[in-house]
């Protein structure tokens, strides 16, 4: 297992994330701590190789999967298969937080739409 500096946040336009665990027996390769700022979003995208499991920590958001929108809430866990188009939209005035488990992740495997 590779040692990761867990204090390094990766900043997007309206969200931030940090890697919590990387390379776990070649199944779950990365676990990320993700924060979407108020009124922010993670644009819809897909992956050629990576499946993802999202665990919602706090506040609600709109999740989009294959053009279908639904609300996700704390305690929800959502699985998205590779090649499924998905994203999040935080419509609230509070940060939206989740943990993302990436399965069979390969570097550069994100196709933003």
C-alpha atoms as a PDB file:
ATOM      1  CA  UNK A   1       0.000   0.000   0.000  1.00  0.00           C
ATOM      2  CA  UNK A   2       1.250   3.458  -0.904  1.00  0.00           C
ATOM      3  CA  UNK A   3       1.412   6.077   1.839  1.00  0.00           C
ATOM      4  CA  UNK A   4      -0.785   9.078   1.035  1.00  0.00           C
ATOM      5  CA  UNK A   5      -0.646  12.556   2.562  1.00  0.00           C
ATOM      6  CA  UNK A   6      -4.296  12.848   3.618  1.00  0.00           C
ATOM      7  CA  UNK A   7      -4.081  16.608   4.114  1.00  0.00           C
ATOM      8  CA  UNK A   8      -3.740  17.336   0.378  1.00  0.00           C
ATOM      9  CA  UNK A   9      -7.073  18.427  -1.055  1.00  0.00           C
ATOM     10  CA  UNK A  10      -7.565  18.349  -4.841  1.00  0.00           C
ATOM     11  CA  UNK A  11      -9.644  21.359  -5.808  1.00  0.00           C
ATOM     12  CA  UNK A  12     -12.156  21.455  -8.663  1.00  0.00           C
ATOM     13  CA  UNK A  13     -14.177  24.458  -9.789  1.00  0.00           C
ATOM     14  CA  UNK A  14     -16.863  23.980  -7.146  1.00  0.00           C
ATOM     15  CA  UNK A  15     -15.798  20.888  -5.203  1.00  0.00           C
ATOM     16  CA  UNK A  16     -12.775  19.418  -3.457  1.00  0.00           C
ATOM     17  CA  UNK A  17     -11.647  15.886  -2.641  1.00  0.00           C
ATOM     18  CA  UNK A  18      -8.781  14.033  -1.027  1.00  0.00           C
ATOM     19  CA  UNK A  19      -7.588  10.466  -1.322  1.00  0.00           C
ATOM     20  CA  UNK A  20      -8.107   8.494   1.881  1.00  0.00           C
ATOM     21  CA  UNK A  21      -6.830   5.065   0.817  1.00  0.00           C
ATOM     22  CA  UNK A  22      -5.140   3.947  -2.364  1.00  0.00           C
ATOM     23  CA  UNK A  23      -4.640   0.396  -3.677  1.00  0.00           C
ATOM     24  CA  UNK A  24      -6.598  -2.049  -1.559  1.00  0.00           C
ATOM     25  CA  UNK A  25      -5.971  -5.578  -2.906  1.00  0.00           C
ATOM     26  CA  UNK A  26      -6.553  -4.457  -6.522  1.00  0.00           C
ATOM     27  CA  UNK A  27     -10.314  -4.193  -6.000  1.00  0.00           C
ATOM     28  CA  UNK A  28     -11.040  -0.890  -4.295  1.00  0.00           C
ATOM     29  CA  UNK A  29      -8.100   1.128  -5.560  1.00  0.00           C
ATOM     30  CA  UNK A  30      -8.958   4.517  -4.082  1.00  0.00           C
ATOM     31  CA  UNK A  31     -11.239   5.847  -1.368  1.00  0.00           C
ATOM     32  CA  UNK A  32     -11.904   9.590  -1.606  1.00  0.00           C
ATOM     33  CA  UNK A  33     -13.365  12.134   0.787  1.00  0.00           C
ATOM     34  CA  UNK A  34     -15.367  14.537  -1.448  1.00  0.00           C
ATOM     35  CA  UNK A  35     -16.911  17.921  -0.624  1.00  0.00           C
ATOM     36  CA  UNK A  36     -19.149  19.836  -3.055  1.00  0.00           C
ATOM     37  CA  UNK A  37     -19.505  23.520  -2.147  1.00  0.00           C
ATOM     38  CA  UNK A  38     -22.930  25.183  -1.833  1.00  0.00           C
ATOM     39  CA  UNK A  39     -24.506  25.602  -5.294  1.00  0.00           C
ATOM     40  CA  UNK A  40     -21.571  23.606  -6.756  1.00  0.00           C
ATOM     41  CA  UNK A  41     -21.503  20.483  -8.898  1.00  0.00           C
ATOM     42  CA  UNK A  42     -19.466  17.557 -10.100  1.00  0.00           C
ATOM     43  CA  UNK A  43     -20.142  17.602 -13.853  1.00  0.00           C
ATOM     44  CA  UNK A  44     -21.626  14.508 -15.472  1.00  0.00           C
ATOM     45  CA  UNK A  45     -18.957  12.104 -16.659  1.00  0.00           C
ATOM     46  CA  UNK A  46     -18.279   8.393 -17.121  1.00  0.00           C
ATOM     47  CA  UNK A  47     -15.401   5.943 -16.715  1.00  0.00           C
ATOM     48  CA  UNK A  48     -14.212   3.200 -19.074  1.00  0.00           C
ATOM     49  CA  UNK A  49     -12.884   0.946 -16.305  1.00  0.00           C
ATOM     50  CA  UNK A  50     -13.923   2.322 -12.914  1.00  0.00           C
ATOM     51  CA  UNK A  51     -17.021   1.355 -10.929  1.00  0.00           C
ATOM     52  CA  UNK A  52     -17.872   3.708  -8.035  1.00  0.00           C
ATOM     53  CA  UNK A  53     -19.675   3.357  -4.744  1.00  0.00           C
ATOM     54  CA  UNK A  54     -20.863   6.629  -3.173  1.00  0.00           C
ATOM     55  CA  UNK A  55     -21.646   6.894   0.552  1.00  0.00           C
ATOM     56  CA  UNK A  56     -23.427  10.137   1.461  1.00  0.00           C
ATOM     57  CA  UNK A  57     -22.110  11.690   4.695  1.00  0.00           C
ATOM     58  CA  UNK A  58     -24.096  14.894   5.195  1.00  0.00           C
ATOM     59  CA  UNK A  59     -26.641  17.149   3.520  1.00  0.00           C
ATOM     60  CA  UNK A  60     -28.622  16.315   0.396  1.00  0.00           C
ATOM     61  CA  UNK A  61     -27.803  16.736  -3.286  1.00  0.00           C
ATOM     62  CA  UNK A  62     -29.163  15.840  -6.685  1.00  0.00           C
ATOM     63  CA  UNK A  63     -27.422  12.888  -8.314  1.00  0.00           C
ATOM     64  CA  UNK A  64     -27.684  12.394 -12.060  1.00  0.00           C
ATOM     65  CA  UNK A  65     -27.217   8.890 -13.503  1.00  0.00           C
ATOM     66  CA  UNK A  66     -27.793   8.357 -17.230  1.00  0.00           C
ATOM     67  CA  UNK A  67     -29.862  11.593 -17.437  1.00  0.00           C
ATOM     68  CA  UNK A  68     -32.123  10.551 -14.528  1.00  0.00           C
ATOM     69  CA  UNK A  69     -32.099  12.874 -11.492  1.00  0.00           C
ATOM     70  CA  UNK A  70     -32.859  11.888  -7.895  1.00  0.00           C
ATOM     71  CA  UNK A  71     -32.122  13.205  -4.414  1.00  0.00           C
ATOM     72  CA  UNK A  72     -29.448  11.528  -2.284  1.00  0.00           C
ATOM     73  CA  UNK A  73     -29.355  11.918   1.509  1.00  0.00           C
ATOM     74  CA  UNK A  74     -27.041  11.079   4.427  1.00  0.00           C
ATOM     75  CA  UNK A  75     -26.689   7.318   4.838  1.00  0.00           C
ATOM     76  CA  UNK A  76     -27.516   6.582   1.191  1.00  0.00           C
ATOM     77  CA  UNK A  77     -25.107   4.346  -0.707  1.00  0.00           C
ATOM     78  CA  UNK A  78     -25.229   4.359  -4.508  1.00  0.00           C
ATOM     79  CA  UNK A  79     -23.347   2.072  -6.913  1.00  0.00           C
ATOM     80  CA  UNK A  80     -22.514   3.329 -10.415  1.00  0.00           C
ATOM     81  CA  UNK A  81     -21.058   0.929 -12.995  1.00  0.00           C
ATOM     82  CA  UNK A  82     -18.365   1.843 -15.482  1.00  0.00           C
ATOM     83  CA  UNK A  83     -19.691   3.582 -18.617  1.00  0.00           C
ATOM     84  CA  UNK A  84     -22.684   5.032 -16.710  1.00  0.00           C
ATOM     85  CA  UNK A  85     -22.863   8.817 -17.053  1.00  0.00           C
ATOM     86  CA  UNK A  86     -23.115  10.385 -13.574  1.00  0.00           C
ATOM     87  CA  UNK A  87     -22.633  13.609 -11.599  1.00  0.00           C
ATOM     88  CA  UNK A  88     -23.853  15.605  -8.589  1.00  0.00           C
ATOM     89  CA  UNK A  89     -25.475  19.004  -8.083  1.00  0.00           C
ATOM     90  CA  UNK A  90     -25.557  20.667  -4.657  1.00  0.00           C
ATOM     91  CA  UNK A  91     -28.540  23.030  -4.669  1.00  0.00           C
ATOM     92  CA  UNK A  92     -28.301  23.883  -0.960  1.00  0.00           C
ATOM     93  CA  UNK A  93     -26.445  26.584   0.971  1.00  0.00           C
ATOM     94  CA  UNK A  94     -24.386  23.957   2.852  1.00  0.00           C
ATOM     95  CA  UNK A  95     -21.450  21.754   1.850  1.00  0.00           C
ATOM     96  CA  UNK A  96     -22.386  18.308   0.547  1.00  0.00           C
ATOM     97  CA  UNK A  97     -20.023  15.527   1.677  1.00  0.00           C
ATOM     98  CA  UNK A  98     -19.555  11.931   0.563  1.00  0.00           C
ATOM     99  CA  UNK A  99     -17.021   9.102   0.515  1.00  0.00           C
ATOM    100  CA  UNK A 100     -16.289   7.598  -2.918  1.00  0.00           C
ATOM    101  CA  UNK A 101     -14.953   4.047  -3.307  1.00  0.00           C
ATOM    102  CA  UNK A 102     -13.343   3.567  -6.738  1.00  0.00           C
ATOM    103  CA  UNK A 103     -13.181  -0.046  -7.951  1.00  0.00           C
ATOM    104  CA  UNK A 104     -10.739  -1.064 -10.717  1.00  0.00           C
ATOM    105  CA  UNK A 105      -9.609   2.565 -10.993  1.00  0.00           C
ATOM    106  CA  UNK A 106      -7.080   3.477 -13.667  1.00  0.00           C
ATOM    107  CA  UNK A 107      -5.373   6.878 -13.706  1.00  0.00           C
ATOM    108  CA  UNK A 108      -6.966   9.212 -16.265  1.00  0.00           C
ATOM    109  CA  UNK A 109     -10.192   7.157 -16.415  1.00  0.00           C
ATOM    110  CA  UNK A 110     -12.676  10.036 -16.302  1.00  0.00           C
ATOM    111  CA  UNK A 111     -14.592  11.159 -19.344  1.00  0.00           C
ATOM    112  CA  UNK A 112     -16.146  14.536 -18.531  1.00  0.00           C
ATOM    113  CA  UNK A 113     -19.142  15.328 -20.712  1.00  0.00           C
END
